[in-house]
Amino acid sequence: MLSTHNVQLFDVRNQDEFLAGRIPDSVNIPLGQLEESLKLSPEHFQLQFEVKAPGKDDDNIVFHCQKGRRSAEALAIARQLGFNRARHYQGGYSEWAAHEGK
């Protein structure tokens, strides 16, 4: 999904973690702000995060964190809000960084 740029990748780590290293094209929405952010209108979401708002029927929404715990929580929040096709990257940034040699 990353190589084809067909992913809406949301990093739910804290901003300081995100700034220290991130997966390219990921958007930082800390876990504590996720529910409120996903409830924003598409216009407000785009203004705040500078990307198109995810749609409830989108099948390319992926949450990730450092190792998978917070992204699993993010997935539960998203599904409660109706984003039933969303998923999370269990290995998180740690696995990606090890694989990419970062």
C-alpha atoms as a PDB file:
ATOM      1  CA  MET A   1       0.000   0.000   0.000  1.00  0.00           C
ATOM      2  CA  LEU A   2       2.863   2.372   0.780  1.00  0.00           C
ATOM      3  CA  SER A   3       4.638   1.739  -2.486  1.00  0.00           C
ATOM      4  CA  THR A   4       1.518   2.479  -4.527  1.00  0.00           C
ATOM      5  CA  HIS A   5       0.560   5.451  -2.309  1.00  0.00           C
ATOM      6  CA  ASN A   6      -2.870   3.880  -1.880  1.00  0.00           C
ATOM      7  CA  VAL A   7      -3.054   4.293   1.886  1.00  0.00           C
ATOM      8  CA  GLN A   8      -4.363   6.776   4.397  1.00  0.00           C
ATOM      9  CA  LEU A   9      -1.744   6.162   7.088  1.00  0.00           C
ATOM     10  CA  PHE A  10      -2.417   7.687  10.491  1.00  0.00           C
ATOM     11  CA  ASP A  11       0.329   7.680  13.121  1.00  0.00           C
ATOM     12  CA  VAL A  12      -1.294   7.732  16.566  1.00  0.00           C
ATOM     13  CA  ARG A  13       1.952   8.242  18.506  1.00  0.00           C
ATOM     14  CA  ASN A  14       2.646  11.464  20.378  1.00  0.00           C
ATOM     15  CA  GLN A  15       3.944  14.375  18.335  1.00  0.00           C
ATOM     16  CA  ASP A  16       7.474  14.135  19.793  1.00  0.00           C
ATOM     17  CA  GLU A  17       7.686  10.471  18.704  1.00  0.00           C
ATOM     18  CA  PHE A  18       6.394  11.380  15.246  1.00  0.00           C
ATOM     19  CA  LEU A  19       8.930  14.178  14.858  1.00  0.00           C
ATOM     20  CA  ALA A  20      11.764  11.843  15.908  1.00  0.00           C
ATOM     21  CA  GLY A  21      10.988   9.475  13.026  1.00  0.00           C
ATOM     22  CA  ARG A  22       8.021   8.618  10.860  1.00  0.00           C
ATOM     23  CA  ILE A  23       6.797   6.511   7.992  1.00  0.00           C
ATOM     24  CA  PRO A  24       6.658   8.707   4.854  1.00  0.00           C
ATOM     25  CA  ASP A  25       3.239  10.148   4.033  1.00  0.00           C
ATOM     26  CA  SER A  26       1.848   9.322   7.473  1.00  0.00           C
ATOM     27  CA  VAL A  27      -0.332  11.883   9.243  1.00  0.00           C
ATOM     28  CA  ASN A  28       0.099  12.388  12.978  1.00  0.00           C
ATOM     29  CA  ILE A  29      -3.082  12.262  15.039  1.00  0.00           C
ATOM     30  CA  PRO A  30      -2.147  11.379  18.630  1.00  0.00           C
ATOM     31  CA  LEU A  31      -4.405   8.689  20.106  1.00  0.00           C
ATOM     32  CA  GLY A  32      -5.905  11.115  22.626  1.00  0.00           C
ATOM     33  CA  GLN A  33      -7.134  13.344  19.781  1.00  0.00           C
ATOM     34  CA  LEU A  34      -8.268  10.614  17.392  1.00  0.00           C
ATOM     35  CA  GLU A  35     -11.949  10.318  18.262  1.00  0.00           C
ATOM     36  CA  GLU A  36     -12.480  14.085  18.161  1.00  0.00           C
ATOM     37  CA  SER A  37     -10.528  14.321  14.893  1.00  0.00           C
ATOM     38  CA  LEU A  38     -12.503  11.568  13.157  1.00  0.00           C
ATOM     39  CA  LYS A  39     -15.719  13.374  14.089  1.00  0.00           C
ATOM     40  CA  LEU A  40     -14.630  16.576  12.293  1.00  0.00           C
ATOM     41  CA  SER A  41     -16.391  17.584   9.107  1.00  0.00           C
ATOM     42  CA  PRO A  42     -14.381  16.732   5.983  1.00  0.00           C
ATOM     43  CA  GLU A  43     -13.611  20.436   5.511  1.00  0.00           C
ATOM     44  CA  HIS A  44     -12.320  20.919   9.052  1.00  0.00           C
ATOM     45  CA  PHE A  45     -10.341  17.677   8.927  1.00  0.00           C
ATOM     46  CA  GLN A  46      -8.600  18.806   5.748  1.00  0.00           C
ATOM     47  CA  LEU A  47      -7.860  22.243   7.216  1.00  0.00           C
ATOM     48  CA  GLN A  48      -6.398  20.763  10.381  1.00  0.00           C
ATOM     49  CA  PHE A  49      -4.376  17.876   8.908  1.00  0.00           C
ATOM     50  CA  GLU A  50      -3.797  19.039   5.315  1.00  0.00           C
ATOM     51  CA  VAL A  51      -5.062  15.735   3.879  1.00  0.00           C
ATOM     52  CA  LYS A  52      -8.429  14.533   2.638  1.00  0.00           C
ATOM     53  CA  ALA A  53     -10.663  13.265   5.417  1.00  0.00           C
ATOM     54  CA  PRO A  54     -11.065   9.500   5.552  1.00  0.00           C
ATOM     55  CA  GLY A  55     -14.470   8.168   4.566  1.00  0.00           C
ATOM     56  CA  LYS A  56     -16.324   5.544   6.575  1.00  0.00           C
ATOM     57  CA  ASP A  57     -16.334   3.176   3.579  1.00  0.00           C
ATOM     58  CA  ASP A  58     -12.632   3.648   2.704  1.00  0.00           C
ATOM     59  CA  ASP A  59     -10.695   0.390   2.772  1.00  0.00           C
ATOM     60  CA  ASN A  60      -7.228   1.949   2.827  1.00  0.00           C
ATOM     61  CA  ILE A  61      -7.271   3.524   6.314  1.00  0.00           C
ATOM     62  CA  VAL A  62      -4.398   2.205   8.427  1.00  0.00           C
ATOM     63  CA  PHE A  63      -3.430   3.252  11.945  1.00  0.00           C
ATOM     64  CA  HIS A  64       0.015   2.665  13.390  1.00  0.00           C
ATOM     65  CA  CYS A  65       1.998   3.511  16.501  1.00  0.00           C
ATOM     66  CA  GLN A  66       5.352   2.339  17.847  1.00  0.00           C
ATOM     67  CA  LYS A  67       4.614  -1.362  18.362  1.00  0.00           C
ATOM     68  CA  GLY A  68       0.869  -1.926  17.875  1.00  0.00           C
ATOM     69  CA  ARG A  69      -0.897  -1.333  21.198  1.00  0.00           C
ATOM     70  CA  ARG A  70      -2.072   2.239  20.575  1.00  0.00           C
ATOM     71  CA  SER A  71      -2.971   1.501  16.963  1.00  0.00           C
ATOM     72  CA  ALA A  72      -5.191  -1.371  18.144  1.00  0.00           C
ATOM     73  CA  GLU A  73      -6.950   1.134  20.430  1.00  0.00           C
ATOM     74  CA  ALA A  74      -7.207   3.561  17.498  1.00  0.00           C
ATOM     75  CA  LEU A  75      -8.779   0.839  15.380  1.00  0.00           C
ATOM     76  CA  ALA A  76     -11.386   0.151  18.078  1.00  0.00           C
ATOM     77  CA  ILE A  77     -12.225   3.875  18.261  1.00  0.00           C
ATOM     78  CA  ALA A  78     -12.503   4.156  14.479  1.00  0.00           C
ATOM     79  CA  ARG A  79     -14.737   1.106  14.240  1.00  0.00           C
ATOM     80  CA  GLN A  80     -17.023   2.478  16.964  1.00  0.00           C
ATOM     81  CA  LEU A  81     -17.386   5.566  14.780  1.00  0.00           C
ATOM     82  CA  GLY A  82     -18.323   3.505  11.734  1.00  0.00           C
ATOM     83  CA  PHE A  83     -14.954   3.161   9.973  1.00  0.00           C
ATOM     84  CA  ASN A  84     -15.535  -0.584   9.651  1.00  0.00           C
ATOM     85  CA  ARG A  85     -12.962  -1.236   6.931  1.00  0.00           C
ATOM     86  CA  ALA A  86     -10.069   0.443   8.755  1.00  0.00           C
ATOM     87  CA  ARG A  87      -7.148  -1.621  10.019  1.00  0.00           C
ATOM     88  CA  HIS A  88      -3.920  -1.236  11.933  1.00  0.00           C
ATOM     89  CA  TYR A  89      -0.276  -2.060  11.288  1.00  0.00           C
ATOM     90  CA  GLN A  90       0.565  -4.381  14.177  1.00  0.00           C
ATOM     91  CA  GLY A  91       4.338  -4.084  13.840  1.00  0.00           C
ATOM     92  CA  GLY A  92       4.177  -0.313  13.927  1.00  0.00           C
ATOM     93  CA  TYR A  93       6.999   2.117  13.395  1.00  0.00           C
ATOM     94  CA  SER A  94       9.491  -0.199  15.122  1.00  0.00           C
ATOM     95  CA  GLU A  95       8.960  -2.966  12.578  1.00  0.00           C
ATOM     96  CA  TRP A  96       8.903  -0.558   9.649  1.00  0.00           C
ATOM     97  CA  ALA A  97      12.145   1.137  10.785  1.00  0.00           C
ATOM     98  CA  ALA A  98      13.890  -2.224  11.247  1.00  0.00           C
ATOM     99  CA  HIS A  99      12.752  -3.358   7.796  1.00  0.00           C
ATOM    100  CA  GLU A 100      13.679  -0.073   6.122  1.00  0.00           C
ATOM    101  CA  GLY A 101      17.020   0.167   7.952  1.00  0.00           C
ATOM    102  CA  LYS A 102      16.252   3.468   9.638  1.00  0.00           C
END
